[in-house]
């Protein structure tokens, strides 16, 4: 009878248990959130630890940072904390933890070397290569045979493109770890990068030397007859002043950035110039990328105006009607150019100045009302 009464009581208890919910149990909706508050089950550490929200974690942290413990224990706890952040790829917090561990200044130099090496790894993944290298060097100083510090130092040097230093880090490491595969790989990579950098430097130097030689050759071709004057204004002086020639450089003779062309020496040894023709009456222009210095203006004008341009509504820009001028801005004077003259002859004129590497000429229709208006009040000289 007692056994039956006991069974009846248990059945009644189970029936009651089924109908009533346990008041302190996790709900189906928030059980994951509640589990994540328990340190053992946390997937990620919270950014800020609120003792009210995370009492267990706050308790653990108070134990970790207990100032009454020996510095070695505190530094080790901070190292473990940094390692946990590192595994979560939270490298910034890992740096903070390792730094706090180093500030304990414990007497265990092996532990300090590990803290430095781990902080170097965190800096490395944050992209702070210089800080990472400094930490690796400090760890190596404390423990010259620390393999991870040696590897990290070599990696940082490669990232910083200090290939000779990277090789030295590997050499130092291989003295104490002669069979380490990673050090050998880094040594080979650093040597390969170094040889490639030296090869690129040689190519760049050879290219610069070649370009300099080409510039010198071009200047030598230009100087005798086309250097800008900086000396006398005498109309009888035919020689270019030495000062003017000395100041001549291709920087003032290159229009490549503006027009996409520049003066060059062709296979026959003649200079080919980019030349600009300006038509102020219609605010138009023409550009010839390669005008041989030995060619006459009529050679080009005949081709340019073989068909009249669309902006010439009055059909007056015929080759035989055109007058050419160049301007001496310094003296505010226009010089009339004979179309039968060569470009070389004009460039040799003592008052002609090449600007931005592109000789330019003004084109007008002789006898037109605009031509008379344009020339009115200006100083005009013939050649």
Protein backbone atom coordinates (compact mmCIF):
# COMPACT_ATOMS: atom_id res chain seq x y z
CA UNK A 1 0.00 0.00 0.00
CA UNK A 2 2.84 2.43 0.87
CA UNK A 3 4.53 1.70 -2.44
CA UNK A 4 1.31 2.38 -4.34
CA UNK A 5 0.81 5.65 -2.42
CA UNK A 6 4.38 6.63 -3.30
CA UNK A 7 3.81 5.97 -7.01
CA UNK A 8 0.56 7.90 -6.92
CA UNK A 9 2.40 10.86 -5.34
CA UNK A 10 5.13 10.79 -7.99
CA UNK A 11 2.54 10.66 -10.76
CA UNK A 12 0.78 13.62 -9.26
CA UNK A 13 4.08 15.54 -9.00
CA UNK A 14 4.97 14.80 -12.63
CA UNK A 15 1.50 15.85 -13.77
CA UNK A 16 1.89 19.09 -11.84
CA UNK A 17 5.46 19.59 -13.27
CA UNK A 18 4.13 19.26 -16.81
CA UNK A 19 1.52 21.96 -16.28
CA UNK A 20 3.76 24.50 -14.51
CA UNK A 21 6.86 26.14 -16.09
CA UNK A 22 10.12 26.54 -14.21
CA UNK A 23 10.33 30.21 -13.31
CA UNK A 24 14.15 30.64 -13.67
CA UNK A 25 14.61 28.68 -16.90
CA UNK A 26 15.85 30.20 -20.19
CA UNK A 27 13.05 30.93 -22.64
CA UNK A 28 13.00 29.57 -26.17
CA UNK A 29 13.46 33.10 -27.49
CA UNK A 30 16.46 34.28 -25.49
CA UNK A 31 18.37 31.16 -24.48
CA UNK A 32 21.25 31.92 -26.92
CA UNK A 33 21.58 35.45 -25.58
CA UNK A 34 21.61 34.18 -21.99
CA UNK A 35 24.21 31.53 -22.80
CA UNK A 36 26.42 34.20 -24.38
CA UNK A 37 26.57 35.98 -21.01
CA UNK A 38 28.31 33.00 -19.43
CA UNK A 39 32.13 33.23 -19.92
CA UNK A 40 32.50 29.53 -20.75
CA UNK A 41 30.00 29.76 -23.61
CA UNK A 42 30.79 33.23 -24.95
CA UNK A 43 31.52 33.37 -28.68
CA UNK A 44 33.03 36.86 -28.50
CA UNK A 45 34.11 39.02 -25.60
CA UNK A 46 31.97 42.16 -25.10
CA UNK A 47 33.45 45.57 -25.97
CA UNK A 48 32.68 46.88 -22.47
CA UNK A 49 32.13 44.70 -19.43
CA UNK A 50 29.12 45.85 -17.40
CA UNK A 51 29.17 44.11 -13.95
CA UNK A 52 25.36 44.15 -13.89
CA UNK A 53 25.04 42.47 -17.28
CA UNK A 54 28.13 40.23 -17.09
CA UNK A 55 28.71 39.54 -13.38
CA UNK A 56 30.66 36.30 -13.92
CA UNK A 57 32.98 37.90 -16.49
CA UNK A 58 33.52 40.94 -14.27
CA UNK A 59 34.46 38.60 -11.44
CA UNK A 60 37.00 36.79 -13.63
CA UNK A 61 38.52 40.08 -14.78
CA UNK A 62 38.89 41.26 -11.22
CA UNK A 63 40.84 38.07 -10.52
CA UNK A 64 43.01 38.58 -13.62
CA UNK A 65 43.82 42.17 -12.76
CA UNK A 66 44.29 41.61 -9.06
CA UNK A 67 47.12 44.00 -8.19
CA UNK A 68 48.03 41.95 -5.12
CA UNK A 69 49.26 39.07 -7.25
CA UNK A 70 52.93 38.87 -8.33
CA UNK A 71 53.80 40.78 -11.56
CA UNK A 72 54.61 37.52 -13.33
CA UNK A 73 51.10 36.16 -12.70
CA UNK A 74 49.49 39.39 -13.77
CA UNK A 75 51.60 39.55 -16.95
CA UNK A 76 50.77 35.92 -17.78
CA UNK A 77 47.04 36.55 -17.30
CA UNK A 78 47.24 39.57 -19.60
CA UNK A 79 49.15 37.50 -22.13
CA UNK A 80 46.36 34.90 -22.08
CA UNK A 81 43.78 37.67 -22.45
CA UNK A 82 45.70 39.08 -25.43
CA UNK A 83 45.90 35.62 -26.98
CA UNK A 84 42.12 35.27 -26.67
CA UNK A 85 41.60 38.59 -28.46
CA UNK A 86 44.18 37.57 -31.08
CA UNK A 87 42.29 34.34 -31.84
CA UNK A 88 39.15 36.45 -32.34
CA UNK A 89 41.21 38.65 -34.74
CA UNK A 90 40.58 41.61 -32.46
CA UNK A 91 44.19 42.73 -32.88
CA UNK A 92 43.69 46.21 -31.47
CA UNK A 93 42.52 44.84 -28.10
CA UNK A 94 45.25 42.23 -28.23
CA UNK A 95 47.82 45.02 -28.47
CA UNK A 96 46.26 46.72 -25.45
CA UNK A 97 46.40 43.49 -23.41
CA UNK A 98 50.01 42.68 -24.35
CA UNK A 99 51.05 46.26 -23.61
CA UNK A 100 49.43 46.07 -20.19
CA UNK A 101 51.33 42.83 -19.56
CA UNK A 102 54.65 44.46 -20.50
CA UNK A 103 53.92 47.37 -18.15
CA UNK A 104 54.00 44.92 -15.25
CA UNK A 105 57.79 44.74 -15.79
CA UNK A 106 58.05 41.22 -14.49
CA UNK A 107 61.44 39.57 -14.07
CA UNK A 108 60.59 36.69 -16.42
CA UNK A 109 62.42 37.72 -19.61
CA UNK A 110 61.06 34.74 -21.56
CA UNK A 111 57.53 35.92 -20.78
CA UNK A 112 58.42 39.48 -21.79
CA UNK A 113 59.87 38.18 -25.07
CA UNK A 114 56.60 36.32 -25.74
CA UNK A 115 54.55 39.44 -24.95
CA UNK A 116 56.69 41.49 -27.35
CA UNK A 117 56.52 38.85 -30.08
CA UNK A 118 52.75 38.50 -29.74
CA UNK A 119 52.30 42.25 -29.81
CA UNK A 120 54.51 42.34 -32.92
CA UNK A 121 52.17 39.80 -34.55
CA UNK A 122 49.13 41.96 -33.67
CA UNK A 123 50.79 45.06 -35.10
CA UNK A 124 51.73 43.07 -38.21
CA UNK A 125 48.11 42.13 -38.93
CA UNK A 126 47.03 45.71 -38.23
CA UNK A 127 49.49 46.86 -40.89
CA UNK A 128 51.76 48.67 -38.40
CA UNK A 129 54.97 47.21 -39.85
CA UNK A 130 57.37 49.64 -38.20
CA UNK A 131 55.88 49.01 -34.72
CA UNK A 132 55.87 45.27 -35.39
CA UNK A 133 59.55 45.37 -36.38
CA UNK A 134 60.44 47.35 -33.26
CA UNK A 135 58.72 44.77 -31.04
CA UNK A 136 60.38 41.86 -32.85
CA UNK A 137 63.78 43.54 -32.41
CA UNK A 138 63.11 44.10 -28.69
CA UNK A 139 62.08 40.45 -28.29
CA UNK A 140 65.21 39.31 -30.13
CA UNK A 141 67.33 41.43 -27.82
CA UNK A 142 65.79 39.74 -24.77
CA UNK A 143 65.95 36.27 -26.31
CA UNK A 144 68.23 36.05 -29.39
CA UNK A 145 67.08 32.53 -30.27
CA UNK A 146 63.32 33.25 -30.09
CA UNK A 147 62.14 31.69 -33.34
CA UNK A 148 58.82 33.53 -33.67
CA UNK A 149 60.53 36.90 -33.13
CA UNK A 150 63.13 36.09 -35.78
CA UNK A 151 60.46 35.07 -38.28
CA UNK A 152 58.31 38.12 -37.56
CA UNK A 153 61.29 40.48 -37.91
CA UNK A 154 62.14 39.03 -41.32
CA UNK A 155 58.51 39.29 -42.46
CA UNK A 156 58.31 42.93 -41.38
CA UNK A 157 61.51 43.80 -43.24
CA UNK A 158 60.16 42.20 -46.42
CA UNK A 159 56.90 44.15 -46.11
CA UNK A 160 58.92 47.35 -45.59
CA UNK A 161 61.06 46.41 -48.64
CA UNK A 162 64.21 46.33 -46.51
CA UNK A 163 65.40 43.17 -48.20
CA UNK A 164 69.01 43.23 -47.00
CA UNK A 165 67.83 43.56 -43.41
CA UNK A 166 65.35 40.71 -43.96
CA UNK A 167 68.19 38.50 -45.17
CA UNK A 168 70.21 39.38 -42.06
CA UNK A 169 67.27 38.46 -39.80
CA UNK A 170 67.03 35.10 -41.56
CA UNK A 171 70.78 34.54 -41.32
CA UNK A 172 70.71 35.25 -37.58
CA UNK A 173 67.79 32.86 -37.19
CA UNK A 174 69.36 30.07 -39.22
CA UNK A 175 72.46 30.16 -37.01
CA UNK A 176 70.37 28.87 -34.10
CA UNK A 177 67.62 27.15 -36.11
CA UNK A 178 69.50 25.82 -39.18
CA UNK A 179 66.72 23.49 -40.32
CA UNK A 180 63.72 25.80 -39.87
CA UNK A 181 61.63 25.69 -43.03
CA UNK A 182 59.96 29.09 -42.56
CA UNK A 183 63.27 30.93 -42.13
CA UNK A 184 64.65 29.27 -45.25
CA UNK A 185 61.56 30.28 -47.24
CA UNK A 186 61.80 33.87 -46.02
CA UNK A 187 65.53 33.92 -46.81
CA UNK A 188 64.82 32.81 -50.39
CA UNK A 189 61.95 35.27 -50.78
CA UNK A 190 64.02 38.19 -49.44
CA UNK A 191 66.91 37.33 -51.75
CA UNK A 192 64.56 37.11 -54.74
CA UNK A 193 62.97 40.47 -53.92
CA UNK A 194 66.38 42.04 -53.39
CA UNK A 195 67.68 40.89 -56.78
CA UNK A 196 64.47 42.07 -58.47
CA UNK A 197 64.75 45.49 -56.79
CA UNK A 198 68.41 45.80 -57.84
CA UNK A 199 67.49 44.81 -61.39
CA UNK A 200 64.69 47.40 -61.48
CA UNK A 201 67.06 50.03 -60.11
CA UNK A 202 69.62 49.23 -62.83
CA UNK A 203 66.93 49.42 -65.53
CA UNK A 204 65.67 52.73 -64.17
CA UNK A 205 69.20 54.12 -64.06
CA UNK A 206 69.92 52.94 -67.62
CA UNK A 207 66.62 54.41 -68.82
CA UNK A 208 67.41 57.70 -67.10
CA UNK A 209 70.88 57.72 -68.61
CA UNK A 210 69.47 57.01 -72.07
CA UNK A 211 66.84 59.72 -71.69
CA UNK A 212 69.48 62.15 -70.49
CA UNK A 213 71.63 61.31 -73.52
CA UNK A 214 68.68 61.87 -75.85
CA UNK A 215 67.94 65.19 -74.18
CA UNK A 216 71.56 66.25 -74.48
CA UNK A 217 71.60 65.32 -78.17
CA UNK A 218 68.41 67.25 -78.74
CA UNK A 219 69.73 70.28 -76.89
CA UNK A 220 72.93 70.17 -78.90
CA UNK A 221 70.84 70.20 -82.07
CA UNK A 222 68.73 73.12 -80.82
CA UNK A 223 71.37 75.31 -79.15
CA UNK A 224 73.35 76.60 -82.14
CA UNK A 225 70.44 78.38 -83.76
CA UNK A 226 67.36 78.28 -81.56
CA UNK A 227 68.34 79.11 -77.99
CA UNK A 228 66.29 81.90 -76.41
CA UNK A 229 68.13 85.16 -75.92
CA UNK A 230 68.64 86.70 -72.54
CA UNK A 231 71.27 89.22 -73.48
CA UNK A 232 71.57 92.22 -75.80
CA UNK A 233 68.68 93.74 -77.77
CA UNK A 234 70.98 94.82 -80.58
CA UNK A 235 69.46 94.21 -84.01
CA UNK A 236 72.91 93.46 -85.47
CA UNK A 237 73.84 90.73 -83.04
CA UNK A 238 73.73 87.33 -84.71
CA UNK A 239 75.37 85.24 -82.03
CA UNK A 240 73.38 83.75 -79.15
CA UNK A 241 74.74 84.73 -75.74
CA UNK A 242 76.51 81.95 -73.79
CA UNK A 243 74.23 82.67 -70.82
CA UNK A 244 71.15 82.06 -72.92
CA UNK A 245 72.49 78.76 -74.20
CA UNK A 246 73.51 77.67 -70.71
CA UNK A 247 69.99 78.29 -69.43
CA UNK A 248 68.35 76.32 -72.23
CA UNK A 249 66.67 73.12 -71.07
CA UNK A 250 64.09 70.74 -72.46
CA UNK A 251 61.73 71.69 -69.63
CA UNK A 252 60.96 74.85 -71.56
CA UNK A 253 60.92 73.08 -74.89
CA UNK A 254 58.51 70.26 -74.15
CA UNK A 255 54.81 70.61 -74.89
CA UNK A 256 54.02 66.91 -74.57
CA UNK A 257 51.75 67.33 -71.55
CA UNK A 258 49.68 69.99 -73.33
CA UNK A 259 49.64 68.89 -76.98
CA UNK A 260 50.83 65.29 -76.87
CA UNK A 261 53.82 66.16 -79.10
CA UNK A 262 57.30 67.53 -78.63
CA UNK A 263 60.29 68.52 -80.70
CA UNK A 264 62.43 65.60 -81.87
CA UNK A 265 65.27 64.77 -84.24
CA UNK A 266 64.22 62.66 -87.23
CA UNK A 267 66.28 59.98 -89.00
CA UNK A 268 67.79 62.58 -91.32
CA UNK A 269 69.02 64.64 -88.35
CA UNK A 270 66.45 67.43 -88.85
CA UNK A 271 64.36 68.83 -86.03
CA UNK A 272 60.62 68.25 -86.19
CA UNK A 273 58.61 70.82 -84.23
CA UNK A 274 55.00 70.92 -83.04
CA UNK A 275 53.60 74.18 -84.48
CA UNK A 276 50.43 76.09 -83.61
CA UNK A 277 48.56 78.37 -86.04
CA UNK A 278 46.14 80.89 -84.51
CA UNK A 279 43.17 82.50 -86.28
CA UNK A 280 42.08 85.32 -83.93
CA UNK A 281 39.30 86.51 -86.25
CA UNK A 282 37.37 83.28 -85.66
CA UNK A 283 39.02 82.20 -82.39
CA UNK A 284 40.18 79.02 -84.09
CA UNK A 285 43.51 77.22 -84.32
CA UNK A 286 45.37 74.50 -86.22
CA UNK A 287 48.07 72.22 -84.83
CA UNK A 288 50.83 70.46 -86.77
CA UNK A 289 52.53 67.81 -84.64
CA UNK A 290 55.67 67.50 -86.81
CA UNK A 291 56.72 70.57 -88.82
CA UNK A 292 60.19 69.95 -90.27
CA UNK A 293 62.50 72.89 -89.63
CA UNK A 294 63.57 72.83 -93.28
CA UNK A 295 60.00 73.03 -94.62
CA UNK A 296 58.43 76.29 -95.83
CA UNK A 297 55.12 77.59 -94.49
CA UNK A 298 53.58 77.43 -97.97
CA UNK A 299 54.10 73.64 -97.95
CA UNK A 300 51.74 73.31 -95.01
CA UNK A 301 49.32 76.13 -95.77
CA UNK A 302 48.54 74.62 -99.16
CA UNK A 303 47.55 71.33 -97.54
CA UNK A 304 45.74 72.94 -94.59
CA UNK A 305 43.52 75.09 -96.79
CA UNK A 306 43.13 72.75 -99.73
CA UNK A 307 39.55 72.56 -98.51
CA UNK A 308 38.23 75.68 -96.81
CA UNK A 309 37.41 75.18 -93.11
CA UNK A 310 33.74 75.19 -92.06
CA UNK A 311 34.20 78.32 -89.93
CA UNK A 312 35.30 80.32 -93.05
CA UNK A 313 31.79 81.32 -94.14
CA UNK A 314 33.12 84.08 -96.44
CA UNK A 315 35.55 81.65 -98.13
CA UNK A 316 38.44 84.06 -97.89
CA UNK A 317 41.07 81.87 -96.17
CA UNK A 318 42.81 80.91 -99.39
CA UNK A 319 46.57 80.17 -99.21
CA UNK A 320 47.45 83.14 -101.46
CA UNK A 321 45.41 85.53 -99.24
CA UNK A 322 47.07 84.66 -95.93
CA UNK A 323 49.59 86.70 -93.95
CA UNK A 324 51.62 85.18 -91.09
CA UNK A 325 53.03 86.93 -88.03
CA UNK A 326 54.81 86.03 -84.85
CA UNK A 327 54.62 88.14 -81.73
CA UNK A 328 57.43 89.46 -79.57
CA UNK A 329 55.53 90.04 -76.34
CA UNK A 330 58.51 91.60 -74.59
CA UNK A 331 58.70 94.44 -77.14
CA UNK A 332 54.99 94.31 -77.99
CA UNK A 333 55.88 93.93 -81.65
CA UNK A 334 54.56 91.80 -84.51
CA UNK A 335 56.97 90.40 -87.11
CA UNK A 336 55.58 89.54 -90.53
CA UNK A 337 56.65 86.13 -91.80
CA UNK A 338 57.31 85.40 -95.48
CA UNK A 339 55.45 82.11 -96.21
CA UNK A 340 58.30 81.10 -98.52
CA UNK A 341 60.71 81.08 -95.58
CA UNK A 342 61.57 77.87 -93.72
CA UNK A 343 60.62 77.31 -90.12
CA UNK A 344 64.33 77.14 -89.28
CA UNK A 345 64.88 80.63 -90.61
CA UNK A 346 62.12 82.02 -88.39
CA UNK A 347 63.35 80.18 -85.30
CA UNK A 348 66.82 81.63 -85.90
CA UNK A 349 65.45 85.15 -85.67
CA UNK A 350 66.92 86.95 -82.68
CA UNK A 351 63.50 88.02 -81.39
CA UNK A 352 61.72 84.69 -81.73
CA UNK A 353 61.03 82.92 -78.45
CA UNK A 354 59.68 79.37 -78.28
CA UNK A 355 57.07 78.96 -75.55
CA UNK A 356 56.12 75.60 -74.02
CA UNK A 357 58.05 73.87 -76.78
CA UNK A 358 55.56 74.93 -79.45
CA UNK A 359 56.27 77.69 -81.99
CA UNK A 360 53.08 79.62 -82.73
CA UNK A 361 52.05 81.96 -85.54
CA UNK A 362 49.13 84.33 -86.13
CA UNK A 363 47.28 83.94 -89.45
CA UNK A 364 45.27 86.84 -90.96
CA UNK A 365 43.61 87.50 -94.30
CA UNK A 366 45.53 90.35 -95.90
CA UNK A 367 43.47 93.40 -96.75
CA UNK A 368 40.46 92.25 -94.71
CA UNK A 369 38.75 94.69 -92.33
CA UNK A 370 39.64 92.45 -89.38
CA UNK A 371 43.31 92.37 -90.42
CA UNK A 372 43.42 96.18 -90.53
CA UNK A 373 41.72 96.41 -87.16
CA UNK A 374 44.00 93.78 -85.60
CA UNK A 375 47.19 95.46 -86.84
CA UNK A 376 46.03 98.95 -85.99
CA UNK A 377 48.19 100.56 -83.30
CA UNK A 378 50.71 97.69 -83.21
CA UNK A 379 54.40 97.84 -84.11
CA UNK A 380 54.98 95.83 -87.28
CA UNK A 381 58.34 94.65 -88.60
CA UNK A 382 59.07 92.64 -91.72
CA UNK A 383 61.68 89.93 -92.03
